[in-house]
Protein backbone atom coordinates (compact mmCIF):
# COMPACT_ATOMS: atom_id res chain seq x y z
CA MET A 1 21.69 32.81 -20.50
CA SER A 2 19.78 29.57 -20.02
CA VAL A 3 17.61 28.11 -17.38
CA ASP A 4 17.97 24.67 -15.90
CA LEU A 5 15.01 23.15 -17.55
CA ALA A 6 12.41 23.65 -20.02
CA VAL A 7 9.37 21.31 -20.72
CA GLU A 8 7.97 22.35 -23.96
CA HIS A 9 5.31 21.32 -26.72
CA CYS A 10 2.60 20.47 -24.14
CA THR A 11 -0.95 21.38 -23.47
CA VAL A 12 -0.63 23.18 -20.15
CA VAL A 13 -3.84 22.59 -17.93
CA THR A 14 -4.47 24.36 -14.71
CA SER A 15 -7.83 24.63 -12.78
CA GLN A 16 -8.30 27.99 -14.83
CA GLY A 17 -7.96 26.72 -18.20
CA LYS A 18 -5.62 25.33 -20.71
CA SER A 19 -3.05 26.40 -23.29
CA GLU A 20 -1.77 24.59 -26.18
CA ASP A 21 1.70 24.06 -27.44
CA ALA A 22 3.09 25.63 -24.27
CA GLY A 23 5.34 24.66 -21.59
CA VAL A 24 7.26 25.58 -18.33
CA ALA A 25 10.94 26.90 -17.70
CA VAL A 26 12.53 25.97 -14.53
CA GLU A 27 15.56 27.46 -12.56
CA ASP A 28 16.80 26.51 -9.05
CA GLY A 29 13.73 24.17 -8.68
CA LYS A 30 11.46 27.23 -9.16
CA ILE A 31 9.09 28.00 -11.93
CA VAL A 32 10.31 31.07 -13.84
CA ALA A 33 8.12 31.14 -16.89
CA VAL A 34 4.81 29.62 -18.14
CA GLY A 35 3.77 30.28 -21.81
CA ARG A 36 4.13 29.39 -25.38
CA SER A 37 6.94 27.08 -26.15
CA ASP A 38 8.51 29.22 -28.57
CA ARG A 39 8.67 32.04 -26.07
CA LEU A 40 10.40 30.08 -23.42
CA PRO A 41 14.13 30.75 -22.49
CA ASP A 42 16.81 28.31 -23.73
CA ALA A 43 17.61 25.59 -21.16
CA ASP A 44 20.43 23.33 -20.34
CA ARG A 45 17.97 20.28 -20.57
CA THR A 46 14.93 20.27 -22.84
CA VAL A 47 12.07 17.90 -22.53
CA ASP A 48 9.75 17.56 -25.26
CA GLY A 49 6.19 17.02 -24.05
CA GLU A 50 5.11 15.58 -27.59
CA GLY A 51 1.79 17.25 -27.23
CA ASN A 52 0.82 15.63 -24.09
CA LEU A 53 -0.61 17.33 -21.01
CA LEU A 54 1.25 19.10 -18.42
CA VAL A 55 -0.35 19.82 -15.16
CA PRO A 56 0.78 21.13 -11.56
CA GLY A 57 2.11 18.02 -9.71
CA ILE A 58 -0.43 15.78 -8.31
CA LEU A 59 -0.77 15.48 -4.53
CA ASP A 60 -1.78 12.43 -2.54
CA CYS A 61 -2.46 13.72 0.88
CA HIS A 62 -3.41 10.37 2.40
CA ILE A 63 -0.96 7.50 1.98
CA HIS A 64 0.40 4.77 4.25
CA ASN A 65 4.05 4.42 3.68
CA ARG A 66 4.38 2.17 6.75
CA GLU A 67 7.64 3.60 8.06
CA PRO A 68 8.45 3.24 10.99
CA GLY A 69 8.08 -0.33 12.25
CA LEU A 70 6.09 -1.99 9.25
CA GLU A 71 8.71 -1.59 6.52
CA HIS A 72 7.87 -5.39 5.48
CA LYS A 73 4.73 -3.74 3.85
CA GLY A 74 6.36 -0.48 2.47
CA ASP A 75 8.65 2.32 3.29
CA TRP A 76 9.47 5.92 2.33
CA GLU A 77 11.77 4.68 -0.60
CA SER A 78 9.42 2.08 -2.03
CA GLU A 79 6.17 3.87 -1.74
CA SER A 80 7.78 7.27 -2.97
CA ARG A 81 9.02 5.30 -5.97
CA ALA A 82 5.50 4.45 -6.75
CA ALA A 83 4.43 8.05 -6.26
CA ALA A 84 6.97 8.99 -8.85
CA ALA A 85 5.78 6.32 -11.35
CA GLY A 86 2.19 7.26 -10.87
CA GLY A 87 2.85 10.96 -11.62
CA VAL A 88 2.45 12.04 -7.86
CA THR A 89 4.90 14.74 -6.84
CA THR A 90 3.98 15.21 -3.16
CA VAL A 91 2.81 12.54 -0.60
CA VAL A 92 1.55 12.70 3.11
CA GLY A 93 1.99 9.78 5.32
CA MET A 94 -0.42 8.61 7.75
CA PRO A 95 0.56 8.16 11.51
CA ASN A 96 -0.74 4.66 12.17
CA THR A 97 2.91 3.16 12.25
CA ASP A 98 4.83 1.35 14.83
CA PRO A 99 5.16 3.38 16.98
CA VAL A 100 2.56 5.69 16.14
CA ILE A 101 3.27 9.41 15.28
CA ASP A 102 2.21 10.77 18.51
CA ARG A 103 4.70 12.93 19.77
CA PRO A 104 7.30 15.34 18.34
CA THR A 105 10.34 13.12 18.39
CA ARG A 106 8.46 10.39 16.57
CA LEU A 107 7.33 12.88 14.04
CA GLU A 108 10.78 14.30 13.52
CA ASP A 109 12.25 10.70 13.08
CA LYS A 110 9.56 9.87 10.20
CA LEU A 111 10.27 12.99 8.49
CA ALA A 112 14.22 12.51 8.94
CA ALA A 113 13.57 9.17 7.29
CA GLY A 114 11.72 10.49 4.45
CA GLU A 115 14.51 13.17 3.64
CA GLU A 116 16.92 10.34 3.55
CA LYS A 117 14.80 7.94 1.21
CA SER A 118 11.96 9.72 -0.50
CA HIS A 119 11.89 10.27 -4.32
CA VAL A 120 9.23 12.90 -4.02
CA ASP A 121 8.17 15.71 -1.62
CA PHE A 122 6.45 14.47 1.48
CA GLY A 123 4.96 15.16 4.75
CA SER A 124 3.09 13.31 7.70
CA PHE A 125 -0.03 13.75 9.87
CA ALA A 126 0.24 13.24 13.64
CA VAL A 127 -2.17 11.39 15.45
CA VAL A 128 -4.34 12.35 18.58
CA THR A 129 -5.05 9.82 21.15
CA SER A 130 -6.45 9.94 24.74
CA GLU A 131 -2.89 10.07 25.89
CA ASN A 132 -1.21 12.99 24.00
CA VAL A 133 -3.78 15.79 24.11
CA GLU A 134 -1.19 17.92 26.11
CA ARG A 135 1.55 17.30 23.49
CA ILE A 136 -0.24 18.84 20.74
CA PRO A 137 1.58 22.24 20.72
CA GLY A 138 4.72 20.45 20.76
CA ILE A 139 3.95 18.27 17.76
CA ALA A 140 2.52 21.35 16.01
CA ASP A 141 5.87 22.84 16.48
CA ALA A 142 7.43 19.85 14.89
CA GLY A 143 5.78 20.46 11.51
CA PRO A 144 3.08 17.97 10.78
CA VAL A 145 0.84 18.74 7.65
CA GLY A 146 -2.22 18.25 9.97
CA PHE A 147 -3.54 16.04 12.87
CA LYS A 148 -5.81 12.96 12.68
CA ILE A 149 -8.05 10.99 14.92
CA PHE A 150 -9.17 7.40 14.41
CA LEU A 151 -12.85 7.29 15.36
CA GLY A 152 -13.15 3.50 14.87
CA SER A 153 -11.08 0.47 14.67
CA THR A 154 -8.89 0.19 11.79
CA VAL A 155 -5.40 -1.19 10.73
CA GLY A 156 -2.97 -0.54 13.54
CA ASP A 157 -5.66 -0.58 16.25
CA VAL A 158 -5.17 3.09 17.31
CA PRO A 159 -7.67 3.39 20.28
CA PRO A 160 -10.18 6.33 19.68
CA PRO A 161 -10.15 9.26 22.27
CA GLY A 162 -13.42 9.90 24.21
CA ASP A 163 -15.72 12.59 23.16
CA GLY A 164 -14.53 14.91 25.96
CA GLU A 165 -10.88 14.26 24.98
CA ILE A 166 -11.82 15.07 21.16
CA LEU A 167 -13.27 18.37 22.41
CA ALA A 168 -10.11 19.22 24.41
CA ALA A 169 -8.02 18.26 21.48
CA MET A 170 -9.90 20.34 19.06
CA GLU A 171 -9.45 23.38 21.44
CA GLU A 172 -5.76 22.63 21.48
CA ILE A 173 -5.53 22.39 17.48
CA ALA A 174 -7.65 25.28 16.93
CA GLU A 175 -5.02 27.40 19.00
CA THR A 176 -2.24 25.91 16.40
CA GLY A 177 -4.33 26.84 13.27
CA TYR A 178 -3.76 23.29 11.85
CA ARG A 179 -6.63 21.28 10.40
CA LEU A 180 -7.75 17.96 12.23
CA GLY A 181 -8.86 15.06 10.10
CA PHE A 182 -10.76 11.84 11.06
CA HIS A 183 -11.13 8.40 10.07
CA GLU A 184 -14.94 8.80 10.60
CA GLU A 185 -16.57 5.49 11.53
CA ASN A 186 -18.40 5.19 14.94
CA GLY A 187 -16.33 2.58 16.78
CA GLU A 188 -19.06 1.26 18.84
CA ILE A 189 -21.17 0.52 15.85
CA ILE A 190 -18.65 -1.28 13.67
CA ASP A 191 -17.22 -3.09 16.82
CA PHE A 192 -20.69 -4.33 17.65
CA TYR A 193 -21.59 -5.73 14.25
CA GLY A 194 -18.09 -7.05 13.55
CA GLU A 195 -18.42 -9.19 16.77
CA GLN A 196 -22.10 -10.29 15.88
CA PHE A 197 -21.13 -11.18 12.42
CA ARG A 198 -18.24 -13.46 13.57
CA ALA A 199 -20.36 -15.06 16.10
CA GLU A 200 -22.98 -15.87 13.32
CA GLY A 201 -20.37 -17.19 10.95
CA ARG A 202 -20.90 -14.62 8.37
CA ASN A 203 -17.17 -14.64 7.01
CA GLU A 204 -17.68 -13.48 3.44
CA PRO A 205 -15.83 -10.47 1.96
CA ILE A 206 -19.35 -8.61 1.57
CA ASP A 207 -19.88 -9.47 5.30
CA HIS A 208 -16.98 -7.11 6.32
CA ALA A 209 -18.70 -4.31 4.29
CA ARG A 210 -22.00 -4.91 5.81
CA SER A 211 -20.43 -4.89 9.19
CA ARG A 212 -19.39 -1.22 8.71
CA PRO A 213 -22.76 0.26 7.65
CA THR A 214 -23.08 3.83 6.33
CA ILE A 215 -24.87 5.06 9.46
CA ALA A 216 -21.50 4.61 11.24
CA GLU A 217 -19.81 7.02 8.85
CA ARG A 218 -22.53 9.46 8.75
CA GLU A 219 -22.99 9.58 12.32
CA ALA A 220 -19.35 10.11 13.07
CA VAL A 221 -19.10 13.02 10.34
CA GLU A 222 -22.27 14.64 11.91
CA ARG A 223 -20.88 14.42 15.57
CA MET A 224 -17.44 15.87 14.52
CA ILE A 225 -19.22 18.56 12.64
CA THR A 226 -21.21 19.50 15.62
CA PHE A 227 -17.89 19.48 17.99
CA ALA A 228 -16.07 21.68 15.57
CA GLU A 229 -18.99 24.05 15.17
CA ASP A 230 -18.94 24.54 19.01
CA VAL A 231 -15.22 24.88 19.06
CA GLY A 232 -14.23 26.76 15.84
CA VAL A 233 -11.53 24.28 14.58
CA ARG A 234 -10.93 23.52 11.03
CA ILE A 235 -11.69 19.82 10.25
CA HIS A 236 -11.29 17.30 7.45
CA MET A 237 -13.17 13.81 6.71
CA PHE A 238 -10.59 11.23 5.12
CA HIS A 239 -11.75 8.69 2.57
CA VAL A 240 -15.52 9.55 2.52
CA SER A 241 -17.05 6.35 0.96
CA SER A 242 -20.81 7.08 1.03
CA GLY A 243 -23.18 9.63 -0.36
CA SER A 244 -24.86 9.79 2.97
CA ALA A 245 -21.55 10.74 4.65
CA ALA A 246 -20.98 13.42 1.93
CA GLU A 247 -24.37 14.71 2.24
CA ALA A 248 -23.74 15.24 5.94
CA VAL A 249 -20.44 17.26 5.05
CA ALA A 250 -22.48 19.23 2.68
CA ARG A 251 -24.91 20.25 5.73
CA GLY A 252 -21.98 21.16 7.70
CA LYS A 253 -20.61 23.47 4.80
CA GLU A 254 -24.13 25.17 4.73
CA ARG A 255 -23.95 25.92 8.47
CA GLY A 256 -20.59 27.60 7.94
CA VAL A 257 -18.45 25.03 9.50
CA ASP A 258 -14.95 24.81 8.08
CA VAL A 259 -15.14 21.21 7.08
CA THR A 260 -13.48 19.68 4.01
CA CYS A 261 -13.62 16.11 2.70
CA GLU A 262 -12.01 13.63 0.40
CA THR A 263 -12.89 10.54 -1.55
CA CYS A 264 -10.99 7.96 -3.47
CA PRO A 265 -10.93 6.58 -6.98
CA HIS A 266 -11.85 2.99 -5.59
CA TYR A 267 -15.16 4.42 -4.17
CA LEU A 268 -16.02 6.27 -7.46
CA ARG A 269 -14.98 3.31 -9.74
CA PHE A 270 -16.28 0.27 -8.03
CA THR A 271 -19.53 -0.85 -6.06
CA GLU A 272 -19.64 -3.45 -3.62
CA ASP A 273 -20.03 -6.09 -6.39
CA VAL A 274 -16.14 -5.93 -6.50
CA LEU A 275 -16.12 -7.69 -3.37
CA ARG A 276 -18.02 -10.56 -4.76
CA GLU A 277 -15.89 -10.36 -7.97
CA LYS A 278 -12.44 -10.10 -6.28
CA GLY A 279 -12.93 -10.91 -2.77
CA ASN A 280 -10.96 -9.60 0.11
CA VAL A 281 -8.31 -8.02 -2.38
CA ALA A 282 -11.01 -5.09 -2.44
CA ARG A 283 -11.53 -5.17 1.32
CA VAL A 284 -10.95 -1.69 2.77
CA GLN A 285 -12.14 0.63 5.55
CA PRO A 286 -14.48 2.21 5.21
CA PRO A 287 -15.89 -0.33 2.72
CA ILE A 288 -16.76 -0.01 -0.79
CA ARG A 289 -20.55 0.90 -1.11
CA ASP A 290 -23.58 -0.20 -3.13
CA ALA A 291 -24.74 1.54 -6.27
CA GLY A 292 -27.15 3.89 -4.70
CA GLU A 293 -24.50 5.12 -2.19
CA GLN A 294 -21.98 5.39 -5.10
CA ALA A 295 -24.53 7.61 -7.03
CA ARG A 296 -25.07 9.87 -4.42
CA LEU A 297 -21.17 9.94 -3.80
CA TRP A 298 -20.75 11.02 -7.43
CA ALA A 299 -23.62 13.76 -6.95
CA ALA A 300 -21.44 15.16 -4.10
CA PHE A 301 -18.36 14.97 -6.15
CA GLU A 302 -19.90 16.82 -9.05
CA ASP A 303 -21.55 19.43 -6.99
CA GLY A 304 -18.24 20.32 -5.08
CA THR A 305 -19.01 19.16 -1.54
CA ILE A 306 -16.19 16.73 -2.04
CA ASP A 307 -13.02 18.74 -2.15
CA PHE A 308 -10.47 16.40 -3.62
CA VAL A 309 -9.28 12.80 -4.28
CA THR A 310 -6.75 10.92 -2.35
CA THR A 311 -5.96 7.07 -2.47
CA ASP A 312 -5.63 5.72 1.02
CA HIS A 313 -2.68 3.81 -0.53
CA ALA A 314 -2.07 0.85 1.88
CA PRO A 315 0.42 -1.76 0.97
CA HIS A 316 0.17 -5.24 2.70
CA THR A 317 1.76 -8.51 1.67
CA ASP A 318 0.05 -11.23 -0.26
CA ARG A 319 -0.23 -13.23 2.77
CA GLU A 320 -1.79 -10.54 4.98
CA LYS A 321 -4.46 -9.90 2.32
CA GLY A 322 -4.94 -13.62 1.62
CA VAL A 323 -4.42 -13.37 -2.05
CA ASP A 324 -4.06 -17.07 -2.55
CA ASP A 325 -7.77 -17.51 -1.21
CA PRO A 326 -9.38 -14.16 -1.80
CA PHE A 327 -12.81 -15.60 -0.80
CA GLY A 328 -11.70 -16.91 2.46
CA ASN A 329 -12.59 -15.84 5.84
CA THR A 330 -12.57 -12.14 5.58
CA TRP A 331 -11.77 -11.67 9.18
CA GLU A 332 -8.32 -13.13 8.53
CA SER A 333 -7.60 -10.54 5.89
CA VAL A 334 -6.40 -7.13 6.51
CA SER A 335 -7.93 -3.91 4.97
CA GLY A 336 -6.30 -1.76 2.21
CA PHE A 337 -4.62 -1.97 -0.98
CA VAL A 338 -2.24 0.20 -3.03
CA GLY A 339 -3.31 3.06 -5.20
CA LEU A 340 -0.50 5.46 -6.04
CA GLU A 341 0.06 4.17 -9.61
CA SER A 342 -3.70 3.87 -10.41
CA GLU A 343 -5.13 7.11 -9.32
CA VAL A 344 -4.14 9.43 -12.18
CA PRO A 345 -5.26 6.74 -14.63
CA ALA A 346 -8.59 6.23 -12.86
CA MET A 347 -9.32 10.12 -12.88
CA LEU A 348 -8.21 10.53 -16.56
CA THR A 349 -10.56 7.66 -17.45
CA PHE A 350 -13.36 9.50 -15.67
CA VAL A 351 -12.34 12.35 -17.81
CA ASP A 352 -12.49 10.36 -20.95
CA GLU A 353 -15.98 9.23 -19.88
CA GLY A 354 -17.14 12.76 -19.48
CA ARG A 355 -17.60 12.59 -15.89
CA LEU A 356 -15.36 15.84 -15.24
CA THR A 357 -13.33 18.10 -17.22
CA LEU A 358 -9.46 18.19 -17.18
CA GLU A 359 -9.57 21.62 -15.43
CA GLU A 360 -11.85 19.82 -12.61
CA TRP A 361 -9.47 17.03 -12.52
CA VAL A 362 -6.60 19.30 -11.98
CA TYR A 363 -8.42 21.17 -9.19
CA ARG A 364 -9.42 18.04 -7.30
CA HIS A 365 -6.25 16.25 -7.69
CA SER A 366 -3.63 19.09 -7.35
CA THR A 367 -5.02 22.77 -6.46
CA ARG A 368 -7.50 21.79 -3.86
CA PRO A 369 -5.51 19.35 -1.75
CA ALA A 370 -2.77 21.70 -1.51
CA GLN A 371 -5.13 24.60 -0.43
CA VAL A 372 -6.93 22.28 2.26
CA TRP A 373 -3.60 21.37 3.78
CA ASP A 374 -1.95 24.87 3.54
CA LEU A 375 0.53 23.79 0.65
CA TYR A 376 -0.85 26.08 -1.96
CA PRO A 377 0.51 27.93 -4.10
CA GLU A 378 3.92 26.23 -3.40
CA LYS A 379 2.06 23.05 -4.46
CA GLY A 380 -0.78 22.61 -6.61
CA SER A 381 -0.01 25.53 -8.72
CA LEU A 382 1.99 26.66 -11.81
CA GLN A 383 2.59 30.19 -10.39
CA ILE A 384 5.97 31.94 -10.88
CA GLY A 385 8.18 31.46 -8.05
CA THR A 386 6.84 28.34 -6.75
CA ASP A 387 8.09 24.73 -6.58
CA ALA A 388 8.45 23.29 -10.15
CA ASP A 389 6.36 20.07 -9.43
CA LEU A 390 4.86 18.86 -12.84
CA THR A 391 3.08 15.86 -14.17
CA LEU A 392 3.08 15.13 -17.62
CA VAL A 393 0.14 12.68 -18.75
CA ASP A 394 -0.92 11.03 -22.09
CA PRO A 395 -4.69 11.38 -21.77
CA ASP A 396 -5.28 8.95 -24.88
CA VAL A 397 -3.35 5.87 -24.42
CA GLU A 398 -5.51 2.75 -23.54
CA TRP A 399 -3.72 0.19 -21.32
CA THR A 400 -4.56 -2.57 -18.62
CA LEU A 401 -3.04 -2.52 -15.29
CA ASP A 402 -0.79 -5.36 -14.37
CA ARG A 403 0.23 -5.33 -10.73
CA ALA A 404 3.52 -7.00 -11.49
CA ASP A 405 4.62 -3.79 -13.12
CA LEU A 406 4.00 -1.64 -9.96
CA HIS A 407 6.68 -0.12 -8.14
CA SER A 408 5.43 -0.55 -4.39
CA LYS A 409 7.11 -3.00 -2.17
CA ASN A 410 3.54 -4.88 -2.13
CA THR A 411 1.27 -4.40 -5.00
CA VAL A 412 -2.23 -6.10 -4.08
CA THR A 413 -5.03 -4.04 -5.58
CA PRO A 414 -8.42 -4.46 -6.97
CA PHE A 415 -7.30 -2.32 -10.16
CA ASP A 416 -5.14 -5.33 -11.23
CA GLY A 417 -6.64 -6.11 -14.82
CA GLU A 418 -8.68 -2.95 -15.04
CA GLU A 419 -8.57 -1.13 -18.30
CA PHE A 420 -7.86 2.81 -18.33
CA VAL A 421 -7.53 5.53 -20.76
CA GLY A 422 -4.72 7.89 -19.79
CA ARG A 423 -1.50 7.64 -17.53
CA ALA A 424 1.29 9.61 -16.38
CA THR A 425 4.53 9.77 -18.63
CA ALA A 426 6.88 11.87 -16.65
CA THR A 427 7.12 13.49 -13.09
CA VAL A 428 9.22 16.38 -12.32
CA VAL A 429 9.74 17.25 -8.53
CA ARG A 430 11.24 20.91 -7.76
CA GLY A 431 12.71 20.81 -11.29
CA GLU A 432 14.22 17.21 -11.24
CA VAL A 433 12.78 14.70 -13.37
CA VAL A 434 12.33 11.73 -11.30
CA TYR A 435 10.15 9.57 -13.63
CA ALA A 436 10.46 9.42 -17.54
CA ASP A 437 10.46 6.64 -20.15
CA GLY A 438 8.78 4.26 -17.86
CA GLU A 439 11.63 4.30 -15.44
CA VAL A 440 12.02 5.92 -11.90
CA VAL A 441 15.39 7.87 -12.40
CA GLY A 442 17.39 9.68 -9.92
CA ASP A 443 18.60 8.63 -6.28
CA SER A 444 16.29 8.44 -3.47
CA GLY A 445 16.46 11.32 -0.93
CA TRP A 446 15.46 14.03 -3.48
CA GLY A 447 12.30 14.57 -1.60
CA ARG A 448 11.93 17.37 1.01
CA ARG A 449 9.50 17.80 3.55
CA VAL A 450 6.33 19.91 3.55
CA GLY A 451 4.13 21.25 6.16
């Protein structure tokens, strides 16, 4: 009797360790064996890993797939195609779409579109505004991965709730058991400086970054931790960009608050000098910080304060980003860029540089995000009986990213032209090979909702 799929002759890496000349066997989309290649069962289809690494499927729990309403930027099909090509087996979409995902019916519609189009497994966050606190129980029943509040202005202009409304929302969400995440920038601070800089004619890309100072991020982190400590709700800080904010998270953890956080490869790889080198292509919110803040961010990453990495993958058209004039008026450019196909190479390059081990990478890019968002062990593990989500990578290949080769609907990224060591070679979602030999294979609609 044979199984559906066997992936053999790999170095299998989990957060606990690694095994050489090993592999995984799959039946009905589930893992049925993990072990030495010569001890795996016969299979209807065999994939030769050729000595490359096999790890639990990579999760990116912070992407903007832009559907519904902004499909000219991206949609479930195009952005999940990029995920598959990047070695990512599960994505979670953000709620600042058009309309915003602020009620059960809109969440259901977004997830239904994903079931029709996505190449990889997927979920969605729901947004909390000043107008939908009473809807939180119904939204929870519809199955989000979690909730999100935008504390400051960002793409989509979702107005932040007042502090009293945030406390009320925290109480409702605590009852549901879900985790509540934040775009953590103090809106009053960044709006004040943004208006002042415009009035003063400070229009360079670096000025956008300086208009959103680290104090705006750190204050928002500290305020939400204080609120959560009083209410007893689980909270999360999205896209932490500065060491200052990460250190605030550490203080919250030390006080016993259930607070987690993430950072992104662009904050770990670039300093604000990239804004002088590549202009508005690297414009993002919160902004990329100076070398001192980055060093403190790395320290927080290395000591475990930062739980995991995501991308904040955010496709925009060349025109919206101002690619033809990247050093033009920064206030006429939109923030964000794509990252689904550069995140695995970026993290493997850090491994090659000795900044973290392979096991630490797997923990931060697969296991830990699954744990934080209550998807573990079905996602983020290679346990028997769990979803057969696998990412195969060549950790040694040296290459240069060309955005013309990316699979997103729009491809603006400061990683264009950057050199990497390592990349994904194959992606398996619930036992189905969705990327191999440089091609996304299979039909869209294979992905299933999580959460």
